[in-house]
Amino acid sequence: MSDSVVGAPGIRGSSHGGAAADDADELVERLRALASTDRLLVALDFDGTLAPEVDDPERARALPEARAAVLRLNDLPGTRVALISGRAMESLEQVVNLPDSVLLVGSHGVEFRLDSPDVTLSLDTVELEQVEVLSEVLEDVAAGLDQVWVETKPAGFALHTRLATERDSRRAHLQALSETQAEIEGLTVREGKNVIEFSVRNATKGEALLHLKEYAKATAVLYAGDDVTDEDGFAVLGPRDFGLKSGPGTTIAEFRVADPREVAGVLALLADLRAGTDR
């Protein structure tokens, strides 16, 4: 992958799949084409994309410049902004500080809040029983290790190990995988950065993104994310869409930036281009 700047600070082509950008002109032209689409959907992960990673998830906040760019995009005609997060909806609503017109997706696509204060979610009796069993297993795992804790989600749980030692983090992951699989068949398991998530319902950010695209009647999409679960979102993008990876790691996204500050720069540039485009 080239380390040269190609159009805005920190924006680079990705060598891990897709057509890598070779120079500033290509990147700007791709953003310009995106900006000129009739109905644009800007879909974004939150942690690590708009907000820097922090040890206490409830203290996470979008960078001021990222929030400002999101607000500008949200106010433009023919433009919808959505957040697609692994967070439970309740947690997402607490940290985003954005207008209700921003669409929200929580728990990787299990929960939706679309132009209504109501959150769409339904678990059947079997799934509710599985959630209870899953809770007992993961709480037992966390109780035996330092700095390992369980976050409750509507269709499952996340086992966090950010503050644990490498040894305890590995033990937590292995023990949780072994014991949950022994108790419940067909669990959806996602491993992310310092977290492993278990859900009794299968949902991906890719499926959520397709649902949002249809809901917004979008003619093109920008999707930005930083974690392995965001690869499901990048995978469903079409030739008119724009994938943006934040941070290191293998990705199929077309473009990459270093961190949320540079994501904010891309969003601000897109807002500038779209505001000045006759559609």
Protein backbone atom coordinates (compact mmCIF):
# COMPACT_ATOMS: atom_id res chain seq x y z
CA MET A 1 0.00 0.00 0.00
CA SER A 2 1.30 3.43 -0.87
CA ASP A 3 1.94 5.75 2.06
CA SER A 4 1.58 8.89 -0.04
CA VAL A 5 -1.19 11.36 0.68
CA VAL A 6 -3.81 11.27 -2.04
CA GLY A 7 -6.19 14.17 -1.87
CA ALA A 8 -6.78 15.00 1.77
CA PRO A 9 -4.65 14.51 4.89
CA GLY A 10 -4.15 10.82 5.62
CA ILE A 11 -6.40 9.44 2.87
CA ARG A 12 -4.80 6.48 1.13
CA GLY A 13 -5.76 3.74 -1.24
CA SER A 14 -6.11 0.26 0.27
CA SER A 15 -4.07 -2.60 -1.17
CA HIS A 16 -6.33 -5.22 0.43
CA GLY A 17 -8.89 -5.61 -2.34
CA GLY A 18 -10.75 -3.08 -4.42
CA ALA A 19 -9.18 -0.55 -6.76
CA ALA A 20 -6.56 1.35 -4.77
CA ALA A 21 -6.35 5.08 -5.29
CA ASP A 22 -3.11 6.13 -6.99
CA ASP A 23 -3.33 9.89 -6.66
CA ALA A 24 -5.32 12.82 -5.39
CA ASP A 25 -7.29 13.23 -8.59
CA GLU A 26 -8.77 9.73 -8.40
CA LEU A 27 -9.85 10.05 -4.79
CA VAL A 28 -11.41 13.47 -5.28
CA GLU A 29 -13.19 12.31 -8.41
CA ARG A 30 -14.61 9.30 -6.54
CA LEU A 31 -15.89 11.58 -3.78
CA ARG A 32 -17.20 14.05 -6.36
CA ALA A 33 -19.14 11.29 -8.12
CA LEU A 34 -20.55 10.16 -4.78
CA ALA A 35 -21.52 13.73 -3.92
CA SER A 36 -23.48 14.12 -7.16
CA THR A 37 -25.74 11.10 -6.64
CA ASP A 38 -29.47 11.77 -6.32
CA ARG A 39 -29.99 10.16 -2.91
CA LEU A 40 -26.92 9.63 -0.73
CA LEU A 41 -26.69 7.40 2.33
CA VAL A 42 -23.74 8.08 4.66
CA ALA A 43 -23.52 5.09 7.01
CA LEU A 44 -20.92 5.10 9.76
CA ASP A 45 -19.64 2.94 12.56
CA PHE A 46 -19.19 4.89 15.81
CA ASP A 47 -16.35 3.61 18.03
CA GLY A 48 -13.00 3.91 16.28
CA THR A 49 -14.62 5.69 13.33
CA LEU A 50 -16.27 8.85 14.64
CA ALA A 51 -15.07 8.46 18.23
CA PRO A 52 -11.62 7.43 19.47
CA GLU A 53 -11.48 4.13 21.33
CA VAL A 54 -11.67 4.55 25.12
CA ASP A 55 -11.46 2.13 28.04
CA ASP A 56 -14.94 3.03 29.33
CA PRO A 57 -17.41 2.67 26.42
CA GLU A 58 -19.95 4.99 28.05
CA ARG A 59 -17.42 7.84 27.96
CA ALA A 60 -16.93 7.61 24.19
CA ARG A 61 -17.89 10.69 22.20
CA ALA A 62 -17.52 11.64 18.55
CA LEU A 63 -14.73 14.10 17.84
CA PRO A 64 -16.14 17.63 17.52
CA GLU A 65 -15.01 17.88 13.90
CA ALA A 66 -16.56 14.48 13.10
CA ARG A 67 -19.86 15.48 14.70
CA ALA A 68 -19.82 18.80 12.83
CA ALA A 69 -19.30 17.02 9.49
CA VAL A 70 -22.10 14.54 10.26
CA LEU A 71 -24.47 17.39 11.12
CA ARG A 72 -23.62 19.19 7.88
CA LEU A 73 -24.27 16.07 5.82
CA ASN A 74 -27.49 15.36 7.69
CA ASP A 75 -28.81 18.83 6.81
CA LEU A 76 -28.15 18.51 3.07
CA PRO A 77 -31.02 17.72 0.66
CA GLY A 78 -31.28 14.15 -0.57
CA THR A 79 -28.88 12.91 2.11
CA ARG A 80 -29.48 10.49 4.96
CA VAL A 81 -26.97 9.74 7.70
CA ALA A 82 -27.02 6.49 9.68
CA LEU A 83 -24.91 4.94 12.42
CA ILE A 84 -24.43 1.17 12.38
CA SER A 85 -22.89 -0.01 15.63
CA GLY A 86 -22.20 -3.16 17.55
CA ARG A 87 -23.41 -1.30 20.64
CA ALA A 88 -26.83 -2.02 22.02
CA MET A 89 -29.28 0.70 21.01
CA GLU A 90 -29.60 2.07 24.54
CA SER A 91 -25.84 2.55 24.74
CA LEU A 92 -25.64 4.02 21.25
CA GLU A 93 -28.34 6.58 21.99
CA GLN A 94 -26.48 7.67 25.13
CA VAL A 95 -23.20 8.46 23.37
CA VAL A 96 -24.04 9.78 19.90
CA ASN A 97 -25.60 13.19 20.72
CA LEU A 98 -27.12 13.56 17.24
CA PRO A 99 -30.58 14.62 15.99
CA ASP A 100 -33.38 12.06 15.82
CA SER A 101 -33.26 12.36 12.02
CA VAL A 102 -30.01 10.36 12.06
CA LEU A 103 -30.93 6.69 11.57
CA LEU A 104 -29.57 4.30 14.21
CA VAL A 105 -28.77 0.60 14.03
CA GLY A 106 -27.63 -1.21 17.17
CA SER A 107 -26.30 -4.68 17.98
CA HIS A 108 -24.94 -5.18 14.44
CA GLY A 109 -28.42 -4.97 12.94
CA VAL A 110 -30.63 -6.57 15.58
CA GLU A 111 -32.09 -3.17 16.57
CA PHE A 112 -33.29 -0.36 14.28
CA ARG A 113 -34.49 3.17 15.03
CA LEU A 114 -35.78 4.60 11.78
CA ASP A 115 -37.55 7.98 11.86
CA SER A 116 -39.39 6.94 15.01
CA PRO A 117 -38.52 6.84 18.72
CA ASP A 118 -39.59 3.20 18.69
CA VAL A 119 -36.85 0.57 18.43
CA THR A 120 -37.64 -2.47 16.33
CA LEU A 121 -36.70 -5.73 18.07
CA SER A 122 -38.41 -9.03 18.78
CA LEU A 123 -37.07 -12.23 20.36
CA ASP A 124 -39.14 -15.40 20.55
CA THR A 125 -39.48 -17.65 23.64
CA VAL A 126 -36.61 -19.95 22.64
CA GLU A 127 -34.29 -17.01 22.02
CA LEU A 128 -35.17 -15.46 25.39
CA GLU A 129 -34.32 -18.76 27.12
CA GLN A 130 -31.01 -18.91 25.26
CA VAL A 131 -30.19 -15.37 26.38
CA GLU A 132 -30.65 -16.42 30.02
CA VAL A 133 -28.30 -19.40 29.61
CA LEU A 134 -25.77 -17.26 27.78
CA SER A 135 -25.82 -14.70 30.58
CA GLU A 136 -25.04 -17.32 33.23
CA VAL A 137 -22.16 -18.81 31.24
CA LEU A 138 -20.45 -15.51 30.43
CA GLU A 139 -20.87 -14.04 33.91
CA ASP A 140 -19.16 -17.14 35.29
CA VAL A 141 -16.28 -16.68 32.84
CA ALA A 142 -15.87 -13.00 33.73
CA ALA A 143 -16.07 -13.65 37.48
CA GLY A 144 -12.93 -15.77 37.39
CA LEU A 145 -10.70 -13.22 35.62
CA ASP A 146 -9.50 -9.70 36.41
CA GLN A 147 -10.70 -6.79 34.26
CA VAL A 148 -13.01 -8.97 32.18
CA TRP A 149 -16.64 -7.83 32.09
CA VAL A 150 -19.91 -8.57 30.34
CA GLU A 151 -22.00 -6.02 28.44
CA THR A 152 -25.68 -6.85 28.05
CA LYS A 153 -27.16 -6.62 24.56
CA PRO A 154 -30.74 -7.27 23.44
CA ALA A 155 -29.95 -10.53 21.67
CA GLY A 156 -26.85 -11.55 23.58
CA PHE A 157 -23.75 -10.27 25.32
CA ALA A 158 -20.27 -8.91 24.70
CA LEU A 159 -17.31 -10.10 26.76
CA HIS A 160 -14.85 -7.20 27.07
CA THR A 161 -11.14 -7.74 27.75
CA ARG A 162 -9.59 -4.36 26.89
CA LEU A 163 -8.15 -3.84 30.39
CA ALA A 164 -7.23 -7.49 31.03
CA THR A 165 -3.75 -8.97 30.64
CA GLU A 166 -3.01 -10.73 27.37
CA ARG A 167 -3.06 -14.05 29.22
CA ASP A 168 -6.44 -13.42 30.87
CA SER A 169 -7.88 -12.07 27.62
CA ARG A 170 -6.92 -15.24 25.79
CA ARG A 171 -8.29 -17.42 28.60
CA ALA A 172 -11.56 -15.49 28.58
CA HIS A 173 -11.99 -15.92 24.82
CA LEU A 174 -11.18 -19.62 24.80
CA GLN A 175 -13.30 -20.42 27.86
CA ALA A 176 -16.25 -18.40 26.60
CA LEU A 177 -16.15 -20.04 23.19
CA SER A 178 -15.92 -23.54 24.63
CA GLU A 179 -18.62 -23.17 27.29
CA THR A 180 -21.17 -21.26 25.20
CA GLN A 181 -20.92 -23.70 22.31
CA ALA A 182 -21.42 -26.57 24.72
CA GLU A 183 -24.64 -25.03 26.02
CA ILE A 184 -26.23 -23.42 22.95
CA GLU A 185 -26.26 -24.49 19.32
CA GLY A 186 -26.17 -22.01 16.47
CA LEU A 187 -24.83 -19.00 18.36
CA THR A 188 -23.52 -16.11 16.29
CA VAL A 189 -20.01 -15.27 17.50
CA ARG A 190 -18.03 -12.19 16.46
CA GLU A 191 -14.49 -11.46 17.59
CA GLY A 192 -13.44 -7.83 17.53
CA LYS A 193 -10.77 -5.68 19.10
CA ASN A 194 -10.57 -6.71 22.78
CA VAL A 195 -14.11 -8.07 22.67
CA ILE A 196 -15.95 -11.23 21.74
CA GLU A 197 -19.69 -11.06 21.14
CA PHE A 198 -22.32 -13.77 21.36
CA SER A 199 -25.80 -13.40 19.91
CA VAL A 200 -28.78 -15.73 19.69
CA ARG A 201 -29.83 -13.95 16.51
CA ASN A 202 -27.72 -13.74 13.38
CA ALA A 203 -27.39 -10.21 12.04
CA THR A 204 -24.53 -8.45 10.28
CA LYS A 205 -23.66 -4.87 9.47
CA GLY A 206 -23.83 -5.81 5.81
CA GLU A 207 -27.46 -6.87 6.13
CA ALA A 208 -28.21 -3.72 8.11
CA LEU A 209 -26.57 -1.56 5.46
CA LEU A 210 -28.62 -3.15 2.67
CA HIS A 211 -31.79 -2.57 4.71
CA LEU A 212 -30.87 1.08 5.24
CA LYS A 213 -30.04 1.55 1.57
CA GLU A 214 -33.47 0.28 0.61
CA TYR A 215 -35.18 2.30 3.34
CA ALA A 216 -33.45 5.52 2.26
CA LYS A 217 -33.89 4.70 -1.44
CA ALA A 218 -30.22 5.57 -1.77
CA THR A 219 -28.57 5.69 -5.17
CA ALA A 220 -25.10 5.56 -3.62
CA VAL A 221 -23.58 4.85 -0.20
CA LEU A 222 -20.53 5.83 1.79
CA TYR A 223 -19.74 3.32 4.53
CA ALA A 224 -16.96 3.86 7.07
CA GLY A 225 -15.81 1.53 9.84
CA ASP A 226 -12.75 0.36 11.73
CA ASP A 227 -13.36 -3.17 13.03
CA VAL A 228 -13.52 -6.66 11.55
CA THR A 229 -17.33 -6.60 11.80
CA ASP A 230 -17.35 -3.63 9.40
CA GLU A 231 -15.97 -5.85 6.64
CA ASP A 232 -19.51 -7.22 6.27
CA GLY A 233 -20.58 -3.68 5.41
CA PHE A 234 -17.77 -3.14 2.91
CA ALA A 235 -18.62 -6.48 1.28
CA VAL A 236 -22.10 -5.34 0.15
CA LEU A 237 -21.00 -2.04 -1.40
CA GLY A 238 -21.55 -1.62 -5.12
CA PRO A 239 -19.45 0.07 -7.82
CA ARG A 240 -21.03 3.49 -7.15
CA ASP A 241 -20.42 3.23 -3.40
CA PHE A 242 -17.44 4.28 -1.29
CA GLY A 243 -15.83 2.17 1.45
CA LEU A 244 -13.58 3.84 4.03
CA LYS A 245 -11.50 1.92 6.56
CA SER A 246 -10.37 3.73 9.71
CA GLY A 247 -7.12 2.49 11.22
CA PRO A 248 -4.91 -0.55 10.62
CA GLY A 249 -5.84 -4.11 9.69
CA THR A 250 -6.68 -6.08 6.60
CA THR A 251 -9.67 -4.71 4.73
CA ILE A 252 -11.59 -4.90 1.48
CA ALA A 253 -12.51 -1.22 1.73
CA GLU A 254 -11.36 0.87 -1.21
CA PHE A 255 -9.82 3.66 0.87
CA ARG A 256 -8.15 3.91 4.27
CA VAL A 257 -7.42 6.67 6.79
CA ALA A 258 -5.49 6.51 10.04
CA ASP A 259 -8.07 7.46 12.65
CA PRO A 260 -11.37 9.23 13.45
CA ARG A 261 -9.80 12.66 12.91
CA GLU A 262 -9.05 11.74 9.31
CA VAL A 263 -12.50 10.17 8.90
CA ALA A 264 -13.85 13.59 9.89
CA GLY A 265 -11.73 15.15 7.14
CA VAL A 266 -13.23 12.85 4.51
CA LEU A 267 -16.78 13.57 5.72
CA ALA A 268 -16.13 17.32 5.69
CA LEU A 269 -14.80 17.11 2.14
CA LEU A 270 -17.85 15.11 1.07
CA ALA A 271 -20.12 17.73 2.67
CA ASP A 272 -18.30 20.50 0.81
CA LEU A 273 -18.62 18.68 -2.51
CA ARG A 274 -22.26 17.77 -2.04
CA ALA A 275 -23.23 21.26 -0.90
CA GLY A 276 -21.76 22.68 -4.11
CA THR A 277 -23.22 20.09 -6.48
CA ASP A 278 -26.30 20.63 -8.64
CA ARG A 279 -28.29 17.40 -8.63
